Structure formats: C-alpha cells, structure tokens
C-alpha cells in the first residue's frame, strides 16, 4: 500500500503544483519551460507507474475490506461511468454545448470516475485511490474558479460537436466495458 500512497503523492503533487501559478512561474524562470515540462512529465509518469504498481500489488496481496457495497451500486456506477466518458469526449478543442455546460470537462470526468468507483469499491486501497483523485479534482476546480478561469464558452444550441461528443463518449465507454477485465482485472458485466 505504501507504493500506492507514494505514487498518489508524486502524481497528484505535481498536478497540484500547476495550480500554484506563482511557484510555477518561478520554476519556469529558474529552469526554463522545457526543463519544467520535462520534469513535470517525468514526475507524472513515475507517479502514475507507482500508482498502478502499488494498487496491483495491494490487490494481489488481498483487499482490506472497509464496507460491502450493495449489488445495486454497480448499476449506478455504470451510468455514472457513461457520463464520465461523455465528459472526457467533450474535452476536444471544438466548442460544443456539452463542453460549455461542463466548463472543465476533464475535472468533471475525474470527479464522476472517482465517485462512481467509490460506490463499488469498499476496500481500503480503493477508497484511498478514488478519494485522492476526487479530492484533487475538487481542489483543482476550486483553484480554477479562484483564478477566474471560466472554462469553455457556453453555446446556445447543440452542434455537430455535441453529436461527436455523445457518440465518441458512448463508443469509448462500450470499449472500456470490454477492456476493463483485461486492463484492470475486474469484469464490469457479470
């Protein structure tokens, strides 16, 4: 579990650093933008690898149960995950009503993903993983709002980009249903 926690600290720590604009500017001024971006990318990759490795080791050594999620939470999670994939698909550069409504689609997707997985994972490692990402996404959304970043512009009408967002998000969701047991080791459909 320690590897998972270290990975979360590294990965989310460098992402929190980007919200501290003055510190970020100082680091870029001291080391240059290229070095800053390389260090940021390297730390992100290292953190992500540690998260994956730590969580897989934790799961291999037996889950530490905290609570037993009811069976019906799976259905809510499946619906929420479809919405998370729609939010991810709304991240494109093309303006859309969905993107404008969400304002910051990536943060919305992370919050939905984390909440959905908290509903069906009653073990300590899962709770640490998903609560960490949920807390980060909430923190980042507050930081974005405080610095005055209003996000994507709101559109009055649905556009072709909205159709692409809905179809693309739905296709990605269906693909992930089938990849989940291969990549994560947990079947979505039973």
C-alpha atoms as a PDB file:
ATOM      1  CA  UNK A   1       0.000   0.000   0.000  1.00  0.00           C
ATOM      2  CA  UNK A   2       2.961   2.306   0.611  1.00  0.00           C
ATOM      3  CA  UNK A   3       3.886   2.260  -3.095  1.00  0.00           C
ATOM      4  CA  UNK A   4       0.313   3.299  -3.989  1.00  0.00           C
ATOM      5  CA  UNK A   5       0.405   6.165  -1.495  1.00  0.00           C
ATOM      6  CA  UNK A   6       3.825   7.381  -2.684  1.00  0.00           C
ATOM      7  CA  UNK A   7       2.562   7.230  -6.286  1.00  0.00           C
ATOM      8  CA  UNK A   8      -0.504   9.297  -5.383  1.00  0.00           C
ATOM      9  CA  UNK A   9       1.644  11.872  -3.592  1.00  0.00           C
ATOM     10  CA  UNK A  10       4.016  12.193  -6.563  1.00  0.00           C
ATOM     11  CA  UNK A  11       1.339  12.184  -9.294  1.00  0.00           C
ATOM     12  CA  UNK A  12      -1.189  14.427  -7.597  1.00  0.00           C
ATOM     13  CA  UNK A  13       1.550  16.559  -6.034  1.00  0.00           C
ATOM     14  CA  UNK A  14       2.954  17.647  -9.397  1.00  0.00           C
ATOM     15  CA  UNK A  15      -0.580  18.311 -10.609  1.00  0.00           C
ATOM     16  CA  UNK A  16      -1.303  20.468  -7.547  1.00  0.00           C
ATOM     17  CA  UNK A  17       1.944  22.332  -8.284  1.00  0.00           C
ATOM     18  CA  UNK A  18       0.495  23.534 -11.605  1.00  0.00           C
ATOM     19  CA  UNK A  19      -2.341  25.234  -9.717  1.00  0.00           C
ATOM     20  CA  UNK A  20       0.195  27.301  -7.769  1.00  0.00           C
ATOM     21  CA  UNK A  21       0.786  29.792 -10.548  1.00  0.00           C
ATOM     22  CA  UNK A  22       3.451  31.914  -8.833  1.00  0.00           C
ATOM     23  CA  UNK A  23       5.533  28.868  -7.882  1.00  0.00           C
ATOM     24  CA  UNK A  24       5.123  27.503 -11.395  1.00  0.00           C
ATOM     25  CA  UNK A  25       6.328  30.783 -12.929  1.00  0.00           C
ATOM     26  CA  UNK A  26       9.328  30.825 -10.557  1.00  0.00           C
ATOM     27  CA  UNK A  27      10.291  27.265 -11.520  1.00  0.00           C
ATOM     28  CA  UNK A  28       9.977  28.037 -15.234  1.00  0.00           C
ATOM     29  CA  UNK A  29      12.053  31.196 -14.722  1.00  0.00           C
ATOM     30  CA  UNK A  30      14.742  29.278 -12.857  1.00  0.00           C
ATOM     31  CA  UNK A  31      14.964  26.140 -15.010  1.00  0.00           C
ATOM     32  CA  UNK A  32      13.312  27.127 -18.301  1.00  0.00           C
ATOM     33  CA  UNK A  33       9.990  25.993 -19.716  1.00  0.00           C
ATOM     34  CA  UNK A  34      11.387  22.939 -21.489  1.00  0.00           C
ATOM     35  CA  UNK A  35      13.086  21.585 -18.348  1.00  0.00           C
ATOM     36  CA  UNK A  36       9.987  22.339 -16.271  1.00  0.00           C
ATOM     37  CA  UNK A  37       7.752  20.445 -18.709  1.00  0.00           C
ATOM     38  CA  UNK A  38      10.165  17.509 -18.892  1.00  0.00           C
ATOM     39  CA  UNK A  39      10.369  17.301 -15.089  1.00  0.00           C
ATOM     40  CA  UNK A  40       6.577  17.611 -14.821  1.00  0.00           C
ATOM     41  CA  UNK A  41       6.044  14.860 -17.398  1.00  0.00           C
ATOM     42  CA  UNK A  42       8.667  12.590 -15.813  1.00  0.00           C
ATOM     43  CA  UNK A  43       7.217  13.033 -12.315  1.00  0.00           C
ATOM     44  CA  UNK A  44       3.709  12.406 -13.668  1.00  0.00           C
ATOM     45  CA  UNK A  45       4.790   9.195 -15.392  1.00  0.00           C
ATOM     46  CA  UNK A  46       6.718   7.985 -12.328  1.00  0.00           C
ATOM     47  CA  UNK A  47       3.740   8.768 -10.086  1.00  0.00           C
ATOM     48  CA  UNK A  48       1.318   7.021 -12.429  1.00  0.00           C
ATOM     49  CA  UNK A  49       3.532   3.919 -12.676  1.00  0.00           C
ATOM     50  CA  UNK A  50       3.817   3.810  -8.877  1.00  0.00           C
ATOM     51  CA  UNK A  51       0.019   4.111  -8.550  1.00  0.00           C
ATOM     52  CA  UNK A  52      -0.582   1.245 -10.988  1.00  0.00           C
ATOM     53  CA  UNK A  53       2.171  -0.910  -9.486  1.00  0.00           C
ATOM     54  CA  UNK A  54       1.184  -0.142  -5.895  1.00  0.00           C
ATOM     55  CA  UNK A  55      -2.510  -0.776  -6.470  1.00  0.00           C
ATOM     56  CA  UNK A  56      -1.858  -4.034  -8.331  1.00  0.00           C
ATOM     57  CA  UNK A  57       0.452  -5.241  -5.514  1.00  0.00           C
ATOM     58  CA  UNK A  58      -2.165  -4.254  -2.940  1.00  0.00           C
ATOM     59  CA  UNK A  59      -4.864  -6.193  -4.824  1.00  0.00           C
ATOM     60  CA  UNK A  60      -2.580  -9.211  -5.289  1.00  0.00           C
ATOM     61  CA  UNK A  61      -1.967  -9.432  -1.532  1.00  0.00           C
ATOM     62  CA  UNK A  62      -5.664  -9.281  -0.641  1.00  0.00           C
ATOM     63  CA  UNK A  63      -8.072  -6.407  -0.274  1.00  0.00           C
ATOM     64  CA  UNK A  64      -8.625  -4.805   3.111  1.00  0.00           C
ATOM     65  CA  UNK A  65     -12.431  -4.595   3.388  1.00  0.00           C
ATOM     66  CA  UNK A  66     -13.982  -1.492   4.927  1.00  0.00           C
ATOM     67  CA  UNK A  67     -17.583  -1.917   3.782  1.00  0.00           C
ATOM     68  CA  UNK A  68     -19.567  -4.154   1.441  1.00  0.00           C
ATOM     69  CA  UNK A  69     -21.117  -2.176  -1.418  1.00  0.00           C
ATOM     70  CA  UNK A  70     -24.668  -3.318  -2.249  1.00  0.00           C
ATOM     71  CA  UNK A  71     -25.123  -5.004  -5.633  1.00  0.00           C
ATOM     72  CA  UNK A  72     -27.290  -2.144  -6.947  1.00  0.00           C
ATOM     73  CA  UNK A  73     -24.368   0.291  -6.764  1.00  0.00           C
ATOM     74  CA  UNK A  74     -22.906  -1.430  -9.854  1.00  0.00           C
ATOM     75  CA  UNK A  75     -25.791  -0.097 -11.963  1.00  0.00           C
ATOM     76  CA  UNK A  76     -25.326   3.459 -10.705  1.00  0.00           C
ATOM     77  CA  UNK A  77     -21.596   3.163 -11.365  1.00  0.00           C
ATOM     78  CA  UNK A  78     -22.215   2.003 -14.934  1.00  0.00           C
ATOM     79  CA  UNK A  79     -24.467   5.013 -15.598  1.00  0.00           C
ATOM     80  CA  UNK A  80     -22.005   7.418 -13.981  1.00  0.00           C
ATOM     81  CA  UNK A  81     -19.120   5.981 -15.994  1.00  0.00           C
ATOM     82  CA  UNK A  82     -21.035   6.556 -19.237  1.00  0.00           C
ATOM     83  CA  UNK A  83     -21.388  10.203 -18.180  1.00  0.00           C
ATOM     84  CA  UNK A  84     -17.661  10.331 -17.315  1.00  0.00           C
ATOM     85  CA  UNK A  85     -16.787   9.137 -20.826  1.00  0.00           C
ATOM     86  CA  UNK A  86     -19.123  11.767 -22.320  1.00  0.00           C
ATOM     87  CA  UNK A  87     -17.272  14.394 -20.257  1.00  0.00           C
ATOM     88  CA  UNK A  88     -13.909  13.063 -21.485  1.00  0.00           C
ATOM     89  CA  UNK A  89     -15.123  13.203 -25.071  1.00  0.00           C
ATOM     90  CA  UNK A  90     -16.144  16.847 -24.520  1.00  0.00           C
ATOM     91  CA  UNK A  91     -12.500  17.829 -23.980  1.00  0.00           C
ATOM     92  CA  UNK A  92     -11.912  18.487 -27.675  1.00  0.00           C
ATOM     93  CA  UNK A  93     -10.943  21.925 -28.968  1.00  0.00           C
ATOM     94  CA  UNK A  94     -14.170  22.369 -30.942  1.00  0.00           C
ATOM     95  CA  UNK A  95     -16.745  24.365 -28.959  1.00  0.00           C
ATOM     96  CA  UNK A  96     -19.876  22.425 -28.056  1.00  0.00           C
ATOM     97  CA  UNK A  97     -22.861  22.948 -25.828  1.00  0.00           C
ATOM     98  CA  UNK A  98     -21.861  19.973 -23.671  1.00  0.00           C
ATOM     99  CA  UNK A  99     -18.315  21.288 -23.259  1.00  0.00           C
ATOM    100  CA  UNK A 100     -19.625  24.747 -22.370  1.00  0.00           C
ATOM    101  CA  UNK A 101     -22.107  23.308 -19.907  1.00  0.00           C
ATOM    102  CA  UNK A 102     -19.374  21.276 -18.175  1.00  0.00           C
ATOM    103  CA  UNK A 103     -16.861  24.188 -18.338  1.00  0.00           C
ATOM    104  CA  UNK A 104     -13.913  21.956 -17.340  1.00  0.00           C
ATOM    105  CA  UNK A 105     -14.753  18.508 -18.755  1.00  0.00           C
ATOM    106  CA  UNK A 106     -11.593  16.730 -17.550  1.00  0.00           C
ATOM    107  CA  UNK A 107     -12.211  17.713 -13.931  1.00  0.00           C
ATOM    108  CA  UNK A 108     -15.856  16.692 -14.239  1.00  0.00           C
ATOM    109  CA  UNK A 109     -14.795  13.325 -15.686  1.00  0.00           C
ATOM    110  CA  UNK A 110     -12.301  12.728 -12.857  1.00  0.00           C
ATOM    111  CA  UNK A 111     -14.895  13.584 -10.209  1.00  0.00           C
ATOM    112  CA  UNK A 112     -17.512  11.297 -11.761  1.00  0.00           C
ATOM    113  CA  UNK A 113     -14.962   8.474 -12.276  1.00  0.00           C
ATOM    114  CA  UNK A 114     -13.767   8.680  -8.668  1.00  0.00           C
ATOM    115  CA  UNK A 115     -17.260   8.899  -7.179  1.00  0.00           C
ATOM    116  CA  UNK A 116     -18.533   6.048  -9.357  1.00  0.00           C
ATOM    117  CA  UNK A 117     -15.674   3.812  -8.282  1.00  0.00           C
ATOM    118  CA  UNK A 118     -16.069   4.729  -4.605  1.00  0.00           C
ATOM    119  CA  UNK A 119     -19.620   3.377  -4.817  1.00  0.00           C
ATOM    120  CA  UNK A 120     -18.449  -0.121  -5.796  1.00  0.00           C
ATOM    121  CA  UNK A 121     -15.071  -0.384  -4.075  1.00  0.00           C
ATOM    122  CA  UNK A 122     -15.434  -0.878  -0.351  1.00  0.00           C
ATOM    123  CA  UNK A 123     -11.800  -1.761   0.282  1.00  0.00           C
ATOM    124  CA  UNK A 124      -9.202   0.485   1.892  1.00  0.00           C
ATOM    125  CA  UNK A 125      -6.862   0.697  -1.115  1.00  0.00           C
ATOM    126  CA  UNK A 126      -9.718   1.553  -3.471  1.00  0.00           C
ATOM    127  CA  UNK A 127     -11.012   4.175  -1.083  1.00  0.00           C
ATOM    128  CA  UNK A 128      -7.555   5.752  -0.777  1.00  0.00           C
ATOM    129  CA  UNK A 129      -7.103   5.763  -4.570  1.00  0.00           C
ATOM    130  CA  UNK A 130     -10.509   7.127  -5.530  1.00  0.00           C
ATOM    131  CA  UNK A 131     -10.851   9.572  -2.607  1.00  0.00           C
ATOM    132  CA  UNK A 132      -7.440  11.008  -3.512  1.00  0.00           C
ATOM    133  CA  UNK A 133      -8.462  11.676  -7.105  1.00  0.00           C
ATOM    134  CA  UNK A 134     -11.859  13.032  -6.050  1.00  0.00           C
ATOM    135  CA  UNK A 135     -10.239  15.394  -3.539  1.00  0.00           C
ATOM    136  CA  UNK A 136      -7.723  16.540  -6.157  1.00  0.00           C
ATOM    137  CA  UNK A 137     -10.436  17.239  -8.744  1.00  0.00           C
ATOM    138  CA  UNK A 138     -12.497  19.217  -6.225  1.00  0.00           C
ATOM    139  CA  UNK A 139      -9.391  21.162  -5.144  1.00  0.00           C
ATOM    140  CA  UNK A 140      -8.397  21.854  -8.758  1.00  0.00           C
ATOM    141  CA  UNK A 141     -11.898  23.053  -9.655  1.00  0.00           C
ATOM    142  CA  UNK A 142     -11.809  25.474  -6.726  1.00  0.00           C
ATOM    143  CA  UNK A 143      -8.330  26.671  -7.788  1.00  0.00           C
ATOM    144  CA  UNK A 144      -9.537  27.171 -11.369  1.00  0.00           C
ATOM    145  CA  UNK A 145     -12.517  29.190 -10.164  1.00  0.00           C
ATOM    146  CA  UNK A 146     -10.379  31.328  -7.828  1.00  0.00           C
ATOM    147  CA  UNK A 147      -8.030  32.333 -10.616  1.00  0.00           C
ATOM    148  CA  UNK A 148     -11.000  33.376 -12.761  1.00  0.00           C
ATOM    149  CA  UNK A 149     -10.767  30.692 -15.461  1.00  0.00           C
ATOM    150  CA  UNK A 150     -14.367  30.398 -16.625  1.00  0.00           C
ATOM    151  CA  UNK A 151     -13.624  27.418 -18.848  1.00  0.00           C
ATOM    152  CA  UNK A 152     -15.233  26.584 -22.151  1.00  0.00           C
ATOM    153  CA  UNK A 153     -17.679  29.130 -23.565  1.00  0.00           C
ATOM    154  CA  UNK A 154     -21.377  28.337 -23.314  1.00  0.00           C
ATOM    155  CA  UNK A 155     -23.248  27.818 -26.573  1.00  0.00           C
ATOM    156  CA  UNK A 156     -26.967  28.394 -27.063  1.00  0.00           C
ATOM    157  CA  UNK A 157     -27.521  25.448 -29.402  1.00  0.00           C
ATOM    158  CA  UNK A 158     -26.388  21.884 -29.822  1.00  0.00           C
ATOM    159  CA  UNK A 159     -23.867  21.475 -32.627  1.00  0.00           C
ATOM    160  CA  UNK A 160     -22.296  18.680 -34.625  1.00  0.00           C
ATOM    161  CA  UNK A 161     -19.539  18.644 -31.989  1.00  0.00           C
ATOM    162  CA  UNK A 162     -22.147  17.615 -29.398  1.00  0.00           C
ATOM    163  CA  UNK A 163     -23.156  14.634 -31.527  1.00  0.00           C
ATOM    164  CA  UNK A 164     -19.483  13.677 -31.891  1.00  0.00           C
ATOM    165  CA  UNK A 165     -19.068  14.048 -28.115  1.00  0.00           C
ATOM    166  CA  UNK A 166     -22.057  11.814 -27.352  1.00  0.00           C
ATOM    167  CA  UNK A 167     -21.179   9.160 -29.928  1.00  0.00           C
ATOM    168  CA  UNK A 168     -17.446   9.226 -29.153  1.00  0.00           C
ATOM    169  CA  UNK A 169     -18.019   9.053 -25.404  1.00  0.00           C
ATOM    170  CA  UNK A 170     -20.511   6.215 -25.785  1.00  0.00           C
ATOM    171  CA  UNK A 171     -18.205   4.205 -28.062  1.00  0.00           C
ATOM    172  CA  UNK A 172     -15.262   4.699 -25.676  1.00  0.00           C
ATOM    173  CA  UNK A 173     -17.488   3.631 -22.769  1.00  0.00           C
ATOM    174  CA  UNK A 174     -18.556   0.416 -24.522  1.00  0.00           C
ATOM    175  CA  UNK A 175     -14.956  -0.361 -25.487  1.00  0.00           C
ATOM    176  CA  UNK A 176     -13.857   0.152 -21.873  1.00  0.00           C
ATOM    177  CA  UNK A 177     -16.554  -2.235 -20.624  1.00  0.00           C
ATOM    178  CA  UNK A 178     -14.847  -4.973 -22.623  1.00  0.00           C
ATOM    179  CA  UNK A 179     -11.275  -3.823 -21.849  1.00  0.00           C
ATOM    180  CA  UNK A 180     -11.852  -3.383 -18.105  1.00  0.00           C
ATOM    181  CA  UNK A 181     -11.362  -7.087 -17.245  1.00  0.00           C
ATOM    182  CA  UNK A 182      -8.195  -7.196 -19.379  1.00  0.00           C
ATOM    183  CA  UNK A 183      -6.627  -3.930 -18.175  1.00  0.00           C
ATOM    184  CA  UNK A 184      -7.944  -3.773 -14.619  1.00  0.00           C
ATOM    185  CA  UNK A 185      -8.719  -7.415 -13.898  1.00  0.00           C
ATOM    186  CA  UNK A 186     -12.290  -6.745 -12.810  1.00  0.00           C
ATOM    187  CA  UNK A 187     -15.247  -7.579 -15.076  1.00  0.00           C
ATOM    188  CA  UNK A 188     -17.884  -4.870 -15.412  1.00  0.00           C
ATOM    189  CA  UNK A 189     -20.571  -7.202 -16.743  1.00  0.00           C
ATOM    190  CA  UNK A 190     -21.468 -10.287 -14.733  1.00  0.00           C
END
